Amino acid sequence: MSRSRRRPRLPSPPVKRARRRSHTWRFGAAVAGVAAAAFLTVVYWPLDDDLERLVPKLERMVAVEPEPETGSAAAPTGDRFACDVAYVNDGDTLRCEDGTRIRLHAVAARETDETCSPGHPCPNASAASATAELRRLAANRTLSCERIGESYNRITAICWTPADVEINCAMIRSGTTVVWDRFNRERAICRSW
């Protein structure tokens, strides 16, 4: 019998198996990047266009009170402030010398083009008569005002003349404007200071 020589069996080369890679870390990194981009967009978005509008809000948030201007009594003290009336825009809006725009709280007047906006109360009196009445009450006077809120970059407020006449109420009683009930329920006008 012949013996055949057996060759030693060499180990076969390792079979390359497909590696399963987890893409979870890539997904997590992508989500984190999107979240960071969204956060930065929200935080910094309005700085170019609306900086003037945001500064007063930021000052209120950090309780920084602006320094009073020389000759102006419009520096706020809490929710009450003084307004040296520079201009009467229409029957429910005026401007202080320091540039503050005030919208009379809970008062509705016709627009200067004699229209009333949809959903707003509409008085029978003309816009011109309401403007004339507000000028008579407030023009060139220093008013004491109580801040109620904000509306379209204006402070909504209840204001009083130096003789302690509530302008909001006087405008209603004159018949040139009407009470805006929705806002009057939040803070009623025609109350004494």
Protein backbone atom coordinates (compact mmCIF):
# COMPACT_ATOMS: atom_id res chain seq x y z
CA MET A 1 0.00 0.00 0.00
CA SER A 2 1.29 3.12 -0.79
CA ARG A 3 0.92 5.82 1.46
CA SER A 4 0.13 9.06 -0.01
CA ARG A 5 1.38 11.90 1.66
CA ARG A 6 -1.14 14.16 2.88
CA ARG A 7 -0.55 17.70 2.67
CA PRO A 8 -1.23 19.61 5.76
CA ARG A 9 -4.35 21.55 5.37
CA LEU A 10 -3.76 25.23 5.46
CA PRO A 11 -6.37 27.40 6.99
CA SER A 12 -8.51 29.06 4.37
CA PRO A 13 -8.32 32.80 4.11
CA PRO A 14 -10.86 34.51 6.31
CA VAL A 15 -14.10 35.28 4.59
CA LYS A 16 -14.76 38.95 4.60
CA ARG A 17 -18.15 39.51 6.03
CA ALA A 18 -20.05 42.66 5.38
CA ARG A 19 -19.77 44.92 8.35
CA ARG A 20 -22.90 46.37 9.74
CA ARG A 21 -22.25 49.95 10.53
CA SER A 22 -24.56 51.83 12.71
CA HIS A 23 -25.54 55.17 11.26
CA THR A 24 -27.21 56.25 14.48
CA TRP A 25 -24.35 58.51 15.44
CA ARG A 26 -24.52 60.23 12.06
CA PHE A 27 -28.27 60.76 12.44
CA GLY A 28 -27.81 62.13 15.96
CA ALA A 29 -25.12 64.54 14.80
CA ALA A 30 -27.33 65.72 11.93
CA VAL A 31 -30.28 66.31 14.27
CA ALA A 32 -28.06 68.22 16.69
CA GLY A 33 -26.73 70.39 13.86
CA VAL A 34 -30.23 71.19 12.58
CA ALA A 35 -31.41 72.00 16.11
CA ALA A 36 -28.45 74.32 16.68
CA ALA A 37 -29.04 76.07 13.34
CA ALA A 38 -32.75 76.51 14.12
CA PHE A 39 -31.99 77.92 17.57
CA LEU A 40 -29.46 80.42 16.22
CA THR A 41 -31.85 81.44 13.44
CA VAL A 42 -34.64 82.14 15.91
CA VAL A 43 -32.38 84.02 18.29
CA TYR A 44 -30.62 86.22 15.73
CA TRP A 45 -33.22 86.48 12.92
CA PRO A 46 -34.78 89.91 13.66
CA LEU A 47 -31.61 91.80 14.56
CA ASP A 48 -31.15 93.43 11.15
CA ASP A 49 -34.74 94.45 10.41
CA ASP A 50 -36.36 94.98 13.78
CA LEU A 51 -33.56 96.22 16.05
CA GLU A 52 -35.32 99.48 16.87
CA ARG A 53 -38.48 97.60 17.83
CA LEU A 54 -36.62 95.02 19.93
CA VAL A 55 -34.43 97.36 21.99
CA PRO A 56 -37.29 98.66 24.19
CA LYS A 57 -38.51 95.08 24.75
CA LEU A 58 -35.02 93.90 25.67
CA GLU A 59 -34.57 96.86 28.03
CA ARG A 60 -37.82 95.91 29.80
CA MET A 61 -36.73 92.27 30.00
CA VAL A 62 -33.48 93.15 31.75
CA ALA A 63 -35.07 96.03 33.71
CA VAL A 64 -32.87 98.71 32.21
CA GLU A 65 -34.62 102.04 32.40
CA PRO A 66 -33.62 104.65 29.84
CA GLU A 67 -32.11 107.85 31.14
CA PRO A 68 -34.52 110.78 31.00
CA GLU A 69 -33.79 113.27 28.26
CA THR A 70 -33.17 116.86 29.24
CA GLY A 71 -36.43 118.78 29.15
CA SER A 72 -38.57 115.66 28.71
CA ALA A 73 -40.78 114.27 31.42
CA ALA A 74 -41.43 110.97 29.65
CA ALA A 75 -39.14 108.78 31.75
CA PRO A 76 -41.23 105.86 32.98
CA THR A 77 -41.55 105.02 36.66
CA GLY A 78 -42.96 101.52 36.83
CA ASP A 79 -46.14 101.35 34.74
CA ARG A 80 -46.79 105.10 35.04
CA PHE A 81 -44.98 107.72 33.05
CA ALA A 82 -45.29 111.32 31.90
CA CYS A 83 -45.80 112.28 28.27
CA ASP A 84 -45.11 115.76 26.90
CA VAL A 85 -47.56 115.65 23.98
CA ALA A 86 -45.87 116.69 20.74
CA TYR A 87 -48.43 115.56 18.19
CA VAL A 88 -51.96 114.13 17.97
CA ASN A 89 -52.12 111.56 15.15
CA ASP A 90 -55.86 110.85 15.18
CA GLY A 91 -58.74 110.35 17.61
CA ASP A 92 -57.02 107.60 19.63
CA THR A 93 -53.27 107.98 19.06
CA LEU A 94 -50.74 110.62 20.08
CA ARG A 95 -46.96 111.03 20.19
CA CYS A 96 -44.79 112.26 23.07
CA GLU A 97 -41.80 114.57 22.57
CA ASP A 98 -39.42 111.64 23.21
CA GLY A 99 -40.99 109.73 20.28
CA THR A 100 -43.17 107.39 22.36
CA ARG A 101 -46.41 106.59 20.55
CA ILE A 102 -49.47 106.15 22.74
CA ARG A 103 -52.70 104.40 21.73
CA LEU A 104 -55.54 105.27 24.11
CA HIS A 105 -56.60 102.06 25.86
CA ALA A 106 -60.17 100.78 25.20
CA VAL A 107 -61.01 103.71 22.90
CA ALA A 108 -62.04 103.30 19.25
CA ALA A 109 -62.10 106.18 16.76
CA ARG A 110 -62.54 106.26 13.00
CA GLU A 111 -59.37 106.11 10.89
CA THR A 112 -58.20 109.36 9.29
CA ASP A 113 -59.74 108.23 5.97
CA GLU A 114 -63.11 108.01 7.80
CA THR A 115 -63.22 104.18 7.70
CA CYS A 116 -63.41 101.63 10.47
CA SER A 117 -61.35 98.46 10.34
CA PRO A 118 -63.27 95.18 10.16
CA GLY A 119 -64.03 93.83 13.62
CA HIS A 120 -63.37 97.18 15.31
CA PRO A 121 -66.09 99.26 16.96
CA CYS A 122 -67.12 102.15 14.72
CA PRO A 123 -68.31 105.47 16.16
CA ASN A 124 -70.79 107.67 14.32
CA ALA A 125 -68.58 110.76 14.72
CA SER A 126 -66.05 111.66 12.06
CA ALA A 127 -62.32 111.05 12.36
CA ALA A 128 -61.72 114.80 12.10
CA SER A 129 -63.99 115.55 15.08
CA ALA A 130 -62.27 112.87 17.20
CA THR A 131 -58.83 114.22 16.28
CA ALA A 132 -59.92 117.78 17.11
CA GLU A 133 -61.28 116.66 20.50
CA LEU A 134 -58.07 114.81 21.39
CA ARG A 135 -56.05 117.87 20.37
CA ARG A 136 -58.24 120.04 22.60
CA LEU A 137 -57.68 117.72 25.57
CA ALA A 138 -54.02 116.79 25.12
CA ALA A 139 -52.06 118.98 22.70
CA ASN A 140 -49.03 120.74 24.22
CA ARG A 141 -49.73 119.30 27.69
CA THR A 142 -47.84 116.95 29.96
CA LEU A 143 -50.02 113.92 30.55
CA SER A 144 -49.70 111.32 33.29
CA CYS A 145 -50.19 107.91 31.70
CA GLU A 146 -50.54 104.37 32.97
CA ARG A 147 -49.16 101.72 30.66
CA ILE A 148 -51.62 98.91 29.97
CA GLY A 149 -49.95 97.04 27.10
CA GLU A 150 -48.70 97.33 23.51
CA SER A 151 -50.33 97.52 20.09
CA TYR A 152 -48.44 97.82 16.78
CA ASN A 153 -45.31 99.40 18.31
CA ARG A 154 -47.42 101.76 20.40
CA ILE A 155 -47.94 101.78 24.15
CA THR A 156 -51.58 101.37 25.08
CA ALA A 157 -52.31 103.59 28.05
CA ILE A 158 -54.85 105.44 30.12
CA CYS A 159 -53.82 109.10 30.39
CA TRP A 160 -54.79 112.04 32.59
CA THR A 161 -54.43 115.79 32.09
CA PRO A 162 -52.70 117.97 34.72
CA ALA A 163 -56.26 118.80 35.96
CA ASP A 164 -56.78 115.04 36.59
CA VAL A 165 -59.22 114.54 33.69
CA GLU A 166 -59.01 110.99 32.30
CA ILE A 167 -58.54 111.52 28.57
CA ASN A 168 -59.77 108.05 27.56
CA CYS A 169 -63.06 108.63 29.38
CA ALA A 170 -63.37 112.24 28.17
CA MET A 171 -63.04 111.05 24.56
CA ILE A 172 -65.89 108.56 25.09
CA ARG A 173 -68.09 111.15 26.82
CA SER A 174 -67.49 113.63 24.00
CA GLY A 175 -69.25 111.24 21.61
CA THR A 176 -66.37 111.31 19.12
CA THR A 177 -65.15 107.82 20.06
CA VAL A 178 -66.68 104.65 21.50
CA VAL A 179 -65.63 102.17 24.19
CA TRP A 180 -63.88 99.08 22.86
CA ASP A 181 -65.53 96.58 25.21
CA ARG A 182 -63.03 93.78 24.62
CA PHE A 183 -60.19 95.88 26.03
CA ASN A 184 -62.34 97.69 28.58
CA ARG A 185 -63.06 94.32 30.22
CA GLU A 186 -59.30 93.77 30.68
CA ARG A 187 -58.81 97.15 32.38
CA ALA A 188 -61.78 99.47 32.68
CA ILE A 189 -61.51 103.12 31.78
CA CYS A 190 -63.53 105.95 33.41
CA ARG A 191 -62.19 105.14 36.88
CA SER A 192 -60.53 107.68 39.11
CA TRP A 193 -56.74 107.57 39.50
